[in-house]
Amino acid sequence: MRAFAVAVALVTSTAAVAQAPSPALKQAVAAPTRTEANKARDVYRHPAETLAFFGVKPSDTVVEIWPGGGWYTEILAPYLAQGGGRLILANPKGTFGKTMSAKLDSNPAIYGKVERAAFPATVLGGTGVAPGTADVVLTFRNVHNWRAGEMAEGEADYSVAAFKELYAMLKPGGVLGIEDHRLPEKADAERERPSGYMKVSTVRRLAEQAGFKFAGASEVNANPKDTADWPKGVWTLPPTYAEGEADRAKYQAIGESDRMTLKFVKPAA
């Protein structure tokens, strides 16, 4: 019984207190260069509060891992441009799809200085982020993809290698911010691979094995309506709606997934 209590304490450590979003951060979230479709997701993703929790400053060098279509890039680029910061986008083999490429080319004043790199370069190749470069590394809803990558790429240690690379690219004292779909701790761990959900304990284990120190958790992106047991995994819920029109109103009422928001620090010494 005592061992169980200790395990629970490790997973549900005291939530860290985030500072309120700064005027500069609020301005970036309200930027007119953001697409209306992306702004509509703010109610689920709480970008100002999330970035404030991670402590991102306009003067920071920030690496955004696997930015997808650029949902957070639309906020980070103008925010860092205000304070002379630096934004590096890191994707598999350093390549980006048409949607992201078009976005980066659409507004040189906002995206002209955004840099590109490969991640995880140690697994997939390409030129990665140089060691000791970043003040902050951010990854939104991607750790579950690395678990899937262990099968797709035939690399049993894909996730382990990814976290080691994250650790290396940060400066001592730098921050790793993770947001991902949350699987209940009591669920079968094998559900992490096909469902898109991850246990907090799994993410913490991967980060701490790489050398990170846990700095706290926020419930800003929690959604108690999400039971994490959907027929087609997390993609059943919006914005994907993997079931098409079947029960669409039901899933729309639930909203986007229940998400962990975790902060880790690379020790200064």
Protein backbone atom coordinates (compact mmCIF):
# COMPACT_ATOMS: atom_id res chain seq x y z
CA MET A 1 0.00 0.00 0.00
CA ARG A 2 2.85 2.36 0.85
CA ALA A 3 4.53 1.60 -2.50
CA PHE A 4 1.29 2.48 -4.30
CA ALA A 5 1.09 5.80 -2.45
CA VAL A 6 4.66 6.61 -3.41
CA ALA A 7 3.95 5.80 -7.06
CA VAL A 8 0.91 8.08 -7.08
CA ALA A 9 2.94 10.87 -5.50
CA LEU A 10 5.57 10.57 -8.23
CA VAL A 11 2.93 10.99 -10.94
CA THR A 12 0.85 13.70 -9.31
CA SER A 13 3.58 15.89 -7.87
CA THR A 14 2.54 19.36 -6.76
CA ALA A 15 1.52 21.52 -9.69
CA ALA A 16 3.92 24.34 -10.42
CA VAL A 17 2.65 27.90 -10.17
CA ALA A 18 2.75 29.73 -13.49
CA GLN A 19 3.14 33.45 -13.85
CA ALA A 20 0.34 35.30 -15.62
CA PRO A 21 0.77 35.79 -19.38
CA SER A 22 2.64 38.99 -20.16
CA PRO A 23 1.18 41.74 -22.41
CA ALA A 24 3.71 40.72 -25.08
CA LEU A 25 2.51 37.12 -24.97
CA LYS A 26 -1.14 38.15 -25.11
CA GLN A 27 -0.32 40.36 -28.08
CA ALA A 28 1.29 37.43 -29.91
CA VAL A 29 -1.75 35.21 -29.26
CA ALA A 30 -3.97 37.97 -30.66
CA ALA A 31 -1.71 38.55 -33.68
CA PRO A 32 -3.70 39.28 -36.87
CA THR A 33 -1.36 36.96 -38.78
CA ARG A 34 -2.86 33.93 -37.01
CA THR A 35 -5.48 32.02 -38.99
CA GLU A 36 -9.05 32.10 -37.75
CA ALA A 37 -9.19 28.30 -37.74
CA ASN A 38 -6.23 28.19 -35.38
CA LYS A 39 -7.62 30.91 -33.12
CA ALA A 40 -10.79 28.83 -32.75
CA ARG A 41 -8.71 26.14 -30.98
CA ASP A 42 -7.51 28.56 -28.26
CA VAL A 43 -10.45 27.59 -26.06
CA TYR A 44 -9.00 24.06 -25.86
CA ARG A 45 -5.26 24.77 -26.03
CA HIS A 46 -4.84 27.87 -23.82
CA PRO A 47 -1.65 29.05 -25.56
CA ALA A 48 -0.97 32.17 -23.47
CA GLU A 49 -1.30 30.28 -20.18
CA THR A 50 0.68 27.30 -21.48
CA LEU A 51 3.63 29.36 -22.72
CA ALA A 52 3.58 31.42 -19.52
CA PHE A 53 3.74 28.19 -17.49
CA PHE A 54 6.80 27.12 -19.47
CA GLY A 55 8.33 30.56 -18.85
CA VAL A 56 9.07 31.40 -22.49
CA LYS A 57 10.55 34.91 -22.84
CA PRO A 58 10.69 37.02 -26.03
CA SER A 59 14.49 37.02 -25.89
CA ASP A 60 14.81 33.22 -25.70
CA THR A 61 16.16 30.80 -28.28
CA VAL A 62 13.27 28.39 -28.67
CA VAL A 63 13.20 25.06 -30.49
CA GLU A 64 9.73 23.86 -31.49
CA ILE A 65 9.77 20.12 -32.13
CA TRP A 66 7.61 18.73 -34.93
CA PRO A 67 5.44 21.85 -35.36
CA GLY A 68 2.96 20.18 -37.73
CA GLY A 69 0.95 22.83 -39.55
CA GLY A 70 2.37 25.59 -37.36
CA TRP A 71 -0.36 26.10 -34.77
CA TYR A 72 2.10 27.27 -32.11
CA THR A 73 4.53 28.64 -34.68
CA GLU A 74 1.98 31.35 -35.50
CA ILE A 75 2.31 32.54 -31.90
CA LEU A 76 5.98 31.89 -31.21
CA ALA A 77 7.31 33.64 -34.32
CA PRO A 78 5.84 37.10 -33.63
CA TYR A 79 6.41 36.72 -29.89
CA LEU A 80 10.13 36.01 -30.24
CA ALA A 81 10.49 38.66 -32.95
CA GLN A 82 9.39 41.28 -30.39
CA GLY A 83 12.35 40.63 -28.11
CA GLY A 84 15.08 39.56 -30.49
CA GLY A 85 14.60 35.90 -29.73
CA ARG A 86 15.29 33.01 -32.06
CA LEU A 87 12.89 30.31 -33.28
CA ILE A 88 14.13 26.98 -34.65
CA LEU A 89 11.67 24.47 -36.07
CA ALA A 90 12.83 20.85 -35.93
CA ASN A 91 11.20 18.21 -38.10
CA PRO A 92 12.14 14.71 -39.29
CA LYS A 93 15.15 15.07 -41.60
CA GLY A 94 14.61 18.85 -41.58
CA THR A 95 11.85 18.68 -44.19
CA PHE A 96 8.49 20.45 -43.96
CA GLY A 97 5.21 19.86 -45.75
CA LYS A 98 3.43 22.20 -48.13
CA THR A 99 1.24 23.77 -45.43
CA MET A 100 4.14 24.71 -43.19
CA SER A 101 6.40 25.75 -46.06
CA ALA A 102 3.68 28.01 -47.44
CA LYS A 103 3.16 29.54 -44.01
CA LEU A 104 6.85 30.28 -43.54
CA ASP A 105 7.02 31.86 -47.00
CA SER A 106 3.83 33.88 -46.57
CA ASN A 107 5.12 36.66 -44.33
CA PRO A 108 8.89 37.35 -44.32
CA ALA A 109 8.45 40.02 -41.63
CA ILE A 110 7.17 37.38 -39.21
CA TYR A 111 8.72 34.13 -40.43
CA GLY A 112 11.76 35.30 -42.39
CA LYS A 113 14.21 34.54 -39.59
CA VAL A 114 12.72 31.22 -38.54
CA GLU A 115 15.38 28.50 -38.76
CA ARG A 116 14.97 24.84 -39.65
CA ALA A 117 16.66 21.72 -38.34
CA ALA A 118 16.28 17.94 -38.22
CA PHE A 119 14.88 15.95 -35.28
CA PRO A 120 15.60 13.33 -34.17
CA ALA A 121 18.79 13.53 -36.19
CA THR A 122 20.38 10.70 -34.22
CA VAL A 123 17.65 8.34 -35.43
CA LEU A 124 16.53 9.66 -38.83
CA GLY A 125 19.55 11.66 -39.96
CA GLY A 126 19.94 15.26 -41.06
CA THR A 127 21.48 18.28 -39.35
CA GLY A 128 20.09 18.60 -35.86
CA VAL A 129 20.11 21.47 -33.38
CA ALA A 130 23.63 22.04 -32.06
CA PRO A 131 24.24 21.04 -28.43
CA GLY A 132 23.73 23.81 -25.87
CA THR A 133 21.72 26.02 -28.27
CA ALA A 134 18.26 26.39 -26.76
CA ASP A 135 16.87 28.21 -23.74
CA VAL A 136 13.55 26.41 -24.22
CA VAL A 137 12.48 23.33 -26.16
CA LEU A 138 8.75 22.86 -26.74
CA THR A 139 6.87 19.86 -28.05
CA PHE A 140 3.10 19.75 -28.34
CA ARG A 141 1.30 16.40 -28.72
CA ASN A 142 4.32 14.58 -30.14
CA VAL A 143 5.69 12.18 -27.54
CA HIS A 144 2.99 9.65 -28.44
CA ASN A 145 4.25 9.83 -32.04
CA TRP A 146 7.74 8.83 -30.88
CA ARG A 147 6.25 5.76 -29.23
CA ALA A 148 4.60 4.91 -32.54
CA GLY A 149 7.93 5.62 -34.26
CA GLU A 150 9.51 2.78 -32.32
CA MET A 151 7.44 0.46 -34.48
CA ALA A 152 7.40 2.43 -37.73
CA GLU A 153 11.15 3.04 -37.82
CA GLY A 154 12.11 -0.29 -36.28
CA GLU A 155 13.95 1.51 -33.48
CA ALA A 156 13.24 0.04 -30.05
CA ASP A 157 14.79 3.07 -28.35
CA TYR A 158 13.27 5.78 -30.55
CA SER A 159 11.73 7.65 -27.60
CA VAL A 160 14.87 7.26 -25.49
CA ALA A 161 17.04 8.64 -28.30
CA ALA A 162 14.63 11.54 -28.85
CA PHE A 163 14.79 12.64 -25.21
CA LYS A 164 18.57 12.38 -25.16
CA GLU A 165 18.69 14.69 -28.16
CA LEU A 166 16.31 17.17 -26.49
CA TYR A 167 18.57 17.20 -23.45
CA ALA A 168 21.68 17.84 -25.54
CA MET A 169 20.24 20.78 -27.49
CA LEU A 170 19.34 22.70 -24.31
CA LYS A 171 21.66 25.02 -22.42
CA PRO A 172 22.28 24.14 -18.76
CA GLY A 173 19.28 25.46 -16.85
CA GLY A 174 17.13 25.31 -19.99
CA VAL A 175 13.47 24.24 -20.00
CA LEU A 176 11.71 21.39 -21.78
CA GLY A 177 7.96 21.95 -22.09
CA ILE A 178 5.74 19.01 -23.01
CA GLU A 179 2.03 18.87 -23.74
CA ASP A 180 0.45 15.57 -24.75
CA HIS A 181 -2.72 13.50 -24.61
CA ARG A 182 -3.03 11.93 -21.16
CA LEU A 183 -3.72 8.25 -20.54
CA PRO A 184 -4.97 7.33 -17.04
CA GLU A 185 -2.27 5.73 -14.93
CA LYS A 186 -4.41 2.64 -14.30
CA ALA A 187 -4.72 1.89 -18.03
CA ASP A 188 -2.71 -0.83 -19.78
CA ALA A 189 0.62 0.68 -20.90
CA GLU A 190 0.29 -1.02 -24.30
CA ARG A 191 -2.56 1.37 -25.08
CA GLU A 192 0.01 4.14 -25.42
CA ARG A 193 1.16 2.87 -28.81
CA PRO A 194 -2.12 2.71 -30.80
CA SER A 195 -4.30 5.21 -28.90
CA GLY A 196 -2.27 8.42 -29.11
CA TYR A 197 -2.48 8.80 -25.32
CA MET A 198 0.51 8.64 -22.94
CA LYS A 199 0.82 8.13 -19.21
CA VAL A 200 2.39 10.98 -17.26
CA SER A 201 4.59 8.41 -15.56
CA THR A 202 5.93 7.23 -18.93
CA VAL A 203 6.79 10.76 -20.07
CA ARG A 204 8.44 11.52 -16.75
CA ARG A 205 10.46 8.32 -16.91
CA LEU A 206 11.73 9.09 -20.42
CA ALA A 207 12.64 12.68 -19.49
CA GLU A 208 14.29 11.80 -16.20
CA GLN A 209 16.27 8.93 -17.73
CA ALA A 210 17.71 11.47 -20.16
CA GLY A 211 18.85 13.65 -17.23
CA PHE A 212 15.99 16.13 -16.87
CA LYS A 213 14.61 17.23 -13.51
CA PHE A 214 10.84 17.48 -13.17
CA ALA A 215 9.87 21.11 -12.46
CA GLY A 216 6.09 20.80 -12.21
CA ALA A 217 2.78 20.19 -13.93
CA SER A 218 -0.14 22.39 -14.89
CA GLU A 219 -3.78 21.39 -15.35
CA VAL A 220 -4.42 24.25 -17.77
CA ASN A 221 -5.06 21.80 -20.61
CA ALA A 222 -7.04 19.22 -18.62
CA ASN A 223 -10.39 18.00 -19.93
CA PRO A 224 -12.31 15.76 -17.48
CA LYS A 225 -14.87 14.93 -20.21
CA ASP A 226 -12.26 12.90 -22.07
CA THR A 227 -12.30 9.25 -20.93
CA ALA A 228 -9.36 8.32 -23.23
CA ASP A 229 -11.04 5.09 -24.41
CA TRP A 230 -12.40 6.03 -27.83
CA PRO A 231 -12.83 3.56 -30.73
CA LYS A 232 -10.17 5.20 -32.87
CA GLY A 233 -7.99 6.59 -30.14
CA VAL A 234 -7.49 10.28 -29.52
CA TRP A 235 -8.20 10.96 -33.19
CA THR A 236 -11.87 10.18 -32.51
CA LEU A 237 -12.13 13.61 -30.85
CA PRO A 238 -11.87 17.02 -32.52
CA PRO A 239 -10.23 18.37 -34.51
CA THR A 240 -9.70 15.07 -36.38
CA TYR A 241 -13.11 13.36 -35.98
CA ALA A 242 -11.80 9.97 -37.16
CA GLU A 243 -15.32 8.51 -37.03
CA GLY A 244 -16.51 11.03 -39.60
CA GLU A 245 -20.12 12.06 -39.00
CA ALA A 246 -20.83 9.21 -36.58
CA ASP A 247 -21.58 10.72 -33.14
CA ARG A 248 -19.92 13.94 -34.26
CA ALA A 249 -22.08 16.12 -31.98
CA LYS A 250 -21.13 13.92 -29.01
CA TYR A 251 -17.41 14.28 -29.68
CA GLN A 252 -17.72 17.98 -30.38
CA ALA A 253 -19.36 18.45 -26.98
CA ILE A 254 -16.46 16.63 -25.32
CA GLY A 255 -13.92 18.84 -27.07
CA GLU A 256 -10.22 18.17 -27.55
CA SER A 257 -8.37 15.62 -25.46
CA ASP A 258 -7.40 15.68 -21.81
CA ARG A 259 -3.76 16.80 -21.83
CA MET A 260 -0.80 16.77 -19.52
CA THR A 261 1.32 19.94 -19.42
CA LEU A 262 4.72 19.15 -17.94
CA LYS A 263 7.82 21.27 -17.32
CA PHE A 264 11.33 19.85 -17.02
CA VAL A 265 14.69 21.53 -16.49
CA LYS A 266 18.19 20.56 -17.58
CA PRO A 267 20.31 20.90 -14.43
CA ALA A 268 22.61 23.92 -14.43
CA ALA A 269 25.55 21.93 -13.06
